[in-house]
Amino acid sequence: MGEGIGQGKYMSLHRSLRSGGATAAKRNVLKRFERVTLLKKRGQWKAGMKSTGLPKTKPE
């Protein structure tokens, strides 16, 4: 018989599509609530500030 679909032959999976625990730890983009929390921690959050249009923040 010929080799067809479903007979143990699979396409390889690109490394960016694989699920890995290490990728979550390397995030360099923060969600809005994380940015607000970080600004409060650094003392850069002023009372009455809006959560839109926040300054750029780098994660620690």
PDB file of N, CA and C in Angstrom:
ATOM      1  N   MET A   1       0.832  -1.183   0.000  1.00  0.00           N
ATOM      2  CA  MET A   1       0.000   0.000   0.000  1.00  0.00           C
ATOM      3  C   MET A   1       0.880   1.250   0.000  1.00  0.00           C
ATOM      4  N   GLY A   2       0.344   2.344  -0.471  1.00  0.00           N
ATOM      5  CA  GLY A   2       1.080   3.598  -0.498  1.00  0.00           C
ATOM      6  C   GLY A   2       1.022   4.315   0.840  1.00  0.00           C
ATOM      7  N   GLU A   3       1.897   5.282   0.987  1.00  0.00           N
ATOM      8  CA  GLU A   3       1.909   6.069   2.218  1.00  0.00           C
ATOM      9  C   GLU A   3       0.961   7.248   2.033  1.00  0.00           C
ATOM     10  N   GLY A   4      -0.048   7.316   2.877  1.00  0.00           N
ATOM     11  CA  GLY A   4      -1.031   8.381   2.753  1.00  0.00           C
ATOM     12  C   GLY A   4      -1.259   9.075   4.077  1.00  0.00           C
ATOM     13  N   ILE A   5      -2.298   9.843   4.104  1.00  0.00           N
ATOM     14  CA  ILE A   5      -2.656  10.579   5.321  1.00  0.00           C
ATOM     15  C   ILE A   5      -3.102   9.592   6.384  1.00  0.00           C
ATOM     16  N   GLY A   6      -2.637   9.802   7.609  1.00  0.00           N
ATOM     17  CA  GLY A   6      -3.059   8.981   8.725  1.00  0.00           C
ATOM     18  C   GLY A   6      -2.255   7.706   8.893  1.00  0.00           C
ATOM     19  N   GLN A   7      -1.106   7.606   8.255  1.00  0.00           N
ATOM     20  CA  GLN A   7      -0.302   6.398   8.385  1.00  0.00           C
ATOM     21  C   GLN A   7       1.035   6.701   9.056  1.00  0.00           C
ATOM     22  N   GLY A   8       1.029   7.582  10.034  1.00  0.00           N
ATOM     23  CA  GLY A   8       2.229   7.847  10.806  1.00  0.00           C
ATOM     24  C   GLY A   8       3.132   8.929  10.254  1.00  0.00           C
ATOM     25  N   LYS A   9       2.798   9.531   9.163  1.00  0.00           N
ATOM     26  CA  LYS A   9       3.616  10.609   8.598  1.00  0.00           C
ATOM     27  C   LYS A   9       2.980  11.945   8.962  1.00  0.00           C
ATOM     28  N   TYR A  10       3.726  12.772   9.654  1.00  0.00           N
ATOM     29  CA  TYR A  10       3.220  14.066  10.085  1.00  0.00           C
ATOM     30  C   TYR A  10       4.135  15.159   9.581  1.00  0.00           C
ATOM     31  N   MET A  11       3.549  16.318   9.391  1.00  0.00           N
ATOM     32  CA  MET A  11       4.353  17.477   9.020  1.00  0.00           C
ATOM     33  C   MET A  11       5.048  18.000  10.268  1.00  0.00           C
ATOM     34  N   SER A  12       6.192  18.594  10.069  1.00  0.00           N
ATOM     35  CA  SER A  12       6.893  19.169  11.216  1.00  0.00           C
ATOM     36  C   SER A  12       6.180  20.441  11.659  1.00  0.00           C
ATOM     37  N   LEU A  13       6.353  20.796  12.914  1.00  0.00           N
ATOM     38  CA  LEU A  13       5.719  21.966  13.492  1.00  0.00           C
ATOM     39  C   LEU A  13       6.768  23.053  13.672  1.00  0.00           C
ATOM     40  N   HIS A  14       6.462  24.252  13.168  1.00  0.00           N
ATOM     41  CA  HIS A  14       7.396  25.364  13.287  1.00  0.00           C
ATOM     42  C   HIS A  14       7.646  25.662  14.761  1.00  0.00           C
ATOM     43  N   ARG A  15       8.873  26.029  15.111  1.00  0.00           N
ATOM     44  CA  ARG A  15       9.245  26.212  16.514  1.00  0.00           C
ATOM     45  C   ARG A  15       8.463  27.329  17.187  1.00  0.00           C
ATOM     46  N   SER A  16       7.990  28.319  16.434  1.00  0.00           N
ATOM     47  CA  SER A  16       7.223  29.413  17.044  1.00  0.00           C
ATOM     48  C   SER A  16       5.808  28.971  17.414  1.00  0.00           C
ATOM     49  N   LEU A  17       5.352  27.857  16.872  1.00  0.00           N
ATOM     50  CA  LEU A  17       4.002  27.375  17.150  1.00  0.00           C
ATOM     51  C   LEU A  17       3.967  26.335  18.252  1.00  0.00           C
ATOM     52  N   ARG A  18       5.105  25.882  18.687  1.00  0.00           N
ATOM     53  CA  ARG A  18       5.146  24.883  19.750  1.00  0.00           C
ATOM     54  C   ARG A  18       4.797  25.520  21.077  1.00  0.00           C
ATOM     55  N   SER A  19       4.144  24.741  21.922  1.00  0.00           N
ATOM     56  CA  SER A  19       3.821  25.262  23.244  1.00  0.00           C
ATOM     57  C   SER A  19       4.987  24.967  24.170  1.00  0.00           C
ATOM     58  N   GLY A  20       5.475  26.008  24.787  1.00  0.00           N
ATOM     59  CA  GLY A  20       6.597  25.858  25.706  1.00  0.00           C
ATOM     60  C   GLY A  20       6.417  26.775  26.888  1.00  0.00           C
ATOM     61  N   GLY A  21       6.798  26.340  28.044  1.00  0.00           N
ATOM     62  CA  GLY A  21       6.643  27.147  29.249  1.00  0.00           C
ATOM     63  C   GLY A  21       7.582  28.341  29.292  1.00  0.00           C
ATOM     64  N   ALA A  22       8.682  28.268  28.578  1.00  0.00           N
ATOM     65  CA  ALA A  22       9.677  29.340  28.638  1.00  0.00           C
ATOM     66  C   ALA A  22       9.207  30.598  27.907  1.00  0.00           C
ATOM     67  N   THR A  23       8.318  30.475  26.945  1.00  0.00           N
ATOM     68  CA  THR A  23       7.913  31.655  26.181  1.00  0.00           C
ATOM     69  C   THR A  23       7.107  32.627  27.026  1.00  0.00           C
ATOM     70  N   ALA A  24       6.350  32.151  27.982  1.00  0.00           N
ATOM     71  CA  ALA A  24       5.537  33.037  28.812  1.00  0.00           C
ATOM     72  C   ALA A  24       6.420  33.893  29.721  1.00  0.00           C
ATOM     73  N   ALA A  25       7.561  33.404  30.111  1.00  0.00           N
ATOM     74  CA  ALA A  25       8.429  34.138  31.019  1.00  0.00           C
ATOM     75  C   ALA A  25       9.195  35.252  30.304  1.00  0.00           C
ATOM     76  N   LYS A  26       9.282  35.217  28.997  1.00  0.00           N
ATOM     77  CA  LYS A  26      10.081  36.180  28.244  1.00  0.00           C
ATOM     78  C   LYS A  26       9.244  37.305  27.641  1.00  0.00           C
ATOM     79  N   ARG A  27       8.021  37.486  28.107  1.00  0.00           N
ATOM     80  CA  ARG A  27       7.184  38.537  27.530  1.00  0.00           C
ATOM     81  C   ARG A  27       7.800  39.905  27.792  1.00  0.00           C
ATOM     82  N   ASN A  28       7.823  40.748  26.784  1.00  0.00           N
ATOM     83  CA  ASN A  28       8.335  42.097  26.986  1.00  0.00           C
ATOM     84  C   ASN A  28       7.247  43.142  26.743  1.00  0.00           C
ATOM     85  N   VAL A  29       6.018  42.684  26.530  1.00  0.00           N
ATOM     86  CA  VAL A  29       4.888  43.582  26.358  1.00  0.00           C
ATOM     87  C   VAL A  29       3.946  43.362  27.529  1.00  0.00           C
ATOM     88  N   LEU A  30       3.630  44.439  28.234  1.00  0.00           N
ATOM     89  CA  LEU A  30       2.778  44.336  29.410  1.00  0.00           C
ATOM     90  C   LEU A  30       1.339  44.671  29.063  1.00  0.00           C
ATOM     91  N   LYS A  31       0.423  44.034  29.757  1.00  0.00           N
ATOM     92  CA  LYS A  31      -0.985  44.378  29.621  1.00  0.00           C
ATOM     93  C   LYS A  31      -1.225  45.669  30.384  1.00  0.00           C
ATOM     94  N   ARG A  32      -2.352  46.313  30.107  1.00  0.00           N
ATOM     95  CA  ARG A  32      -2.611  47.628  30.693  1.00  0.00           C
ATOM     96  C   ARG A  32      -2.593  47.597  32.216  1.00  0.00           C
ATOM     97  N   PHE A  33      -3.244  46.604  32.817  1.00  0.00           N
ATOM     98  CA  PHE A  33      -3.281  46.556  34.282  1.00  0.00           C
ATOM     99  C   PHE A  33      -1.889  46.306  34.858  1.00  0.00           C
ATOM    100  N   GLU A  34      -1.035  45.584  34.121  1.00  0.00           N
ATOM    101  CA  GLU A  34       0.339  45.365  34.584  1.00  0.00           C
ATOM    102  C   GLU A  34       1.142  46.660  34.514  1.00  0.00           C
ATOM    103  N   ARG A  35       0.888  47.458  33.490  1.00  0.00           N
ATOM    104  CA  ARG A  35       1.585  48.746  33.360  1.00  0.00           C
ATOM    105  C   ARG A  35       1.170  49.702  34.467  1.00  0.00           C
ATOM    106  N   VAL A  36      -0.128  49.720  34.786  1.00  0.00           N
ATOM    107  CA  VAL A  36      -0.613  50.595  35.865  1.00  0.00           C
ATOM    108  C   VAL A  36       0.010  50.174  37.191  1.00  0.00           C
ATOM    109  N   THR A  37       0.035  48.867  37.453  1.00  0.00           N
ATOM    110  CA  THR A  37       0.628  48.356  38.690  1.00  0.00           C
ATOM    111  C   THR A  37       2.103  48.731  38.776  1.00  0.00           C
ATOM    112  N   LEU A  38       2.816  48.609  37.674  1.00  0.00           N
ATOM    113  CA  LEU A  38       4.235  48.937  37.651  1.00  0.00           C
ATOM    114  C   LEU A  38       4.462  50.429  37.871  1.00  0.00           C
ATOM    115  N   LEU A  39       3.627  51.267  37.253  1.00  0.00           N
ATOM    116  CA  LEU A  39       3.752  52.714  37.449  1.00  0.00           C
ATOM    117  C   LEU A  39       3.469  53.096  38.900  1.00  0.00           C
ATOM    118  N   LYS A  40       2.489  52.453  39.514  1.00  0.00           N
ATOM    119  CA  LYS A  40       2.196  52.719  40.926  1.00  0.00           C
ATOM    120  C   LYS A  40       3.378  52.323  41.794  1.00  0.00           C
ATOM    121  N   LYS A  41       3.980  51.179  41.474  1.00  0.00           N
ATOM    122  CA  LYS A  41       5.116  50.685  42.249  1.00  0.00           C
ATOM    123  C   LYS A  41       6.310  51.630  42.132  1.00  0.00           C
ATOM    124  N   ARG A  42       6.497  52.206  40.955  1.00  0.00           N
ATOM    125  CA  ARG A  42       7.613  53.130  40.723  1.00  0.00           C
ATOM    126  C   ARG A  42       7.309  54.544  41.202  1.00  0.00           C
ATOM    127  N   GLY A  43       6.061  54.802  41.587  1.00  0.00           N
ATOM    128  CA  GLY A  43       5.685  56.138  42.036  1.00  0.00           C
ATOM    129  C   GLY A  43       5.419  57.104  40.906  1.00  0.00           C
ATOM    130  N   GLN A  44       5.191  56.614  39.707  1.00  0.00           N
ATOM    131  CA  GLN A  44       4.942  57.466  38.546  1.00  0.00           C
ATOM    132  C   GLN A  44       3.452  57.611  38.241  1.00  0.00           C
ATOM    133  N   TRP A  45       2.601  56.936  38.992  1.00  0.00           N
ATOM    134  CA  TRP A  45       1.156  57.005  38.783  1.00  0.00           C
ATOM    135  C   TRP A  45       0.611  58.158  39.623  1.00  0.00           C
ATOM    136  N   LYS A  46      -0.092  59.077  38.975  1.00  0.00           N
ATOM    137  CA  LYS A  46      -0.675  60.215  39.672  1.00  0.00           C
ATOM    138  C   LYS A  46      -2.181  59.991  39.801  1.00  0.00           C
ATOM    139  N   ALA A  47      -2.742  60.427  40.910  1.00  0.00           N
ATOM    140  CA  ALA A  47      -4.184  60.296  41.110  1.00  0.00           C
ATOM    141  C   ALA A  47      -4.929  61.027  39.998  1.00  0.00           C
ATOM    142  N   GLY A  48      -5.921  60.387  39.440  1.00  0.00           N
ATOM    143  CA  GLY A  48      -6.706  61.004  38.371  1.00  0.00           C
ATOM    144  C   GLY A  48      -6.205  60.691  36.976  1.00  0.00           C
ATOM    145  N   MET A  49      -5.105  59.962  36.855  1.00  0.00           N
ATOM    146  CA  MET A  49      -4.597  59.585  35.528  1.00  0.00           C
ATOM    147  C   MET A  49      -5.540  58.581  34.883  1.00  0.00           C
ATOM    148  N   LYS A  50      -5.658  58.644  33.569  1.00  0.00           N
ATOM    149  CA  LYS A  50      -6.465  57.678  32.834  1.00  0.00           C
ATOM    150  C   LYS A  50      -5.592  56.480  32.472  1.00  0.00           C
ATOM    151  N   SER A  51      -6.244  55.347  32.299  1.00  0.00           N
ATOM    152  CA  SER A  51      -5.479  54.138  31.973  1.00  0.00           C
ATOM    153  C   SER A  51      -5.178  54.020  30.484  1.00  0.00           C
ATOM    154  N   THR A  52      -5.661  54.971  29.695  1.00  0.00           N
ATOM    155  CA  THR A  52      -5.318  54.984  28.267  1.00  0.00           C
ATOM    156  C   THR A  52      -4.238  56.015  28.045  1.00  0.00           C
ATOM    157  N   GLY A  53      -3.396  55.796  27.079  1.00  0.00           N
ATOM    158  CA  GLY A  53      -2.318  56.728  26.780  1.00  0.00           C
ATOM    159  C   GLY A  53      -1.222  56.720  27.817  1.00  0.00           C
ATOM    160  N   LEU A  54      -0.954  55.553  28.386  1.00  0.00           N
ATOM    161  CA  LEU A  54       0.085  55.447  29.409  1.00  0.00           C
ATOM    162  C   LEU A  54       1.472  55.596  28.802  1.00  0.00           C
ATOM    163  N   PRO A  55       2.444  56.070  29.586  1.00  0.00           N
ATOM    164  CA  PRO A  55       3.811  56.119  29.071  1.00  0.00           C
ATOM    165  C   PRO A  55       4.352  54.721  28.886  1.00  0.00           C
ATOM    166  N   LYS A  56       5.347  54.604  28.020  1.00  0.00           N
ATOM    167  CA  LYS A  56       5.973  53.299  27.798  1.00  0.00           C
ATOM    168  C   LYS A  56       6.680  52.840  29.066  1.00  0.00           C
ATOM    169  N   THR A  57       6.555  51.568  29.360  1.00  0.00           N
ATOM    170  CA  THR A  57       7.211  50.993  30.536  1.00  0.00           C
ATOM    171  C   THR A  57       7.873  49.696  30.138  1.00  0.00           C
ATOM    172  N   LYS A  58       9.048  49.467  30.668  1.00  0.00           N
ATOM    173  CA  LYS A  58       9.747  48.222  30.437  1.00  0.00           C
ATOM    174  C   LYS A  58       9.550  47.326  31.650  1.00  0.00           C
ATOM    175  N   PRO A  59       9.289  46.038  31.424  1.00  0.00           N
ATOM    176  CA  PRO A  59       9.122  45.138  32.568  1.00  0.00           C
ATOM    177  C   PRO A  59      10.414  44.986  33.331  1.00  0.00           C
ATOM    178  N   GLU A  60      10.301  44.646  34.599  1.00  0.00           N
ATOM    179  CA  GLU A  60      11.491  44.492  35.435  1.00  0.00           C
ATOM    180  C   GLU A  60      12.049  43.108  35.312  1.00  0.00           C
TER     181      GLU A  60
END
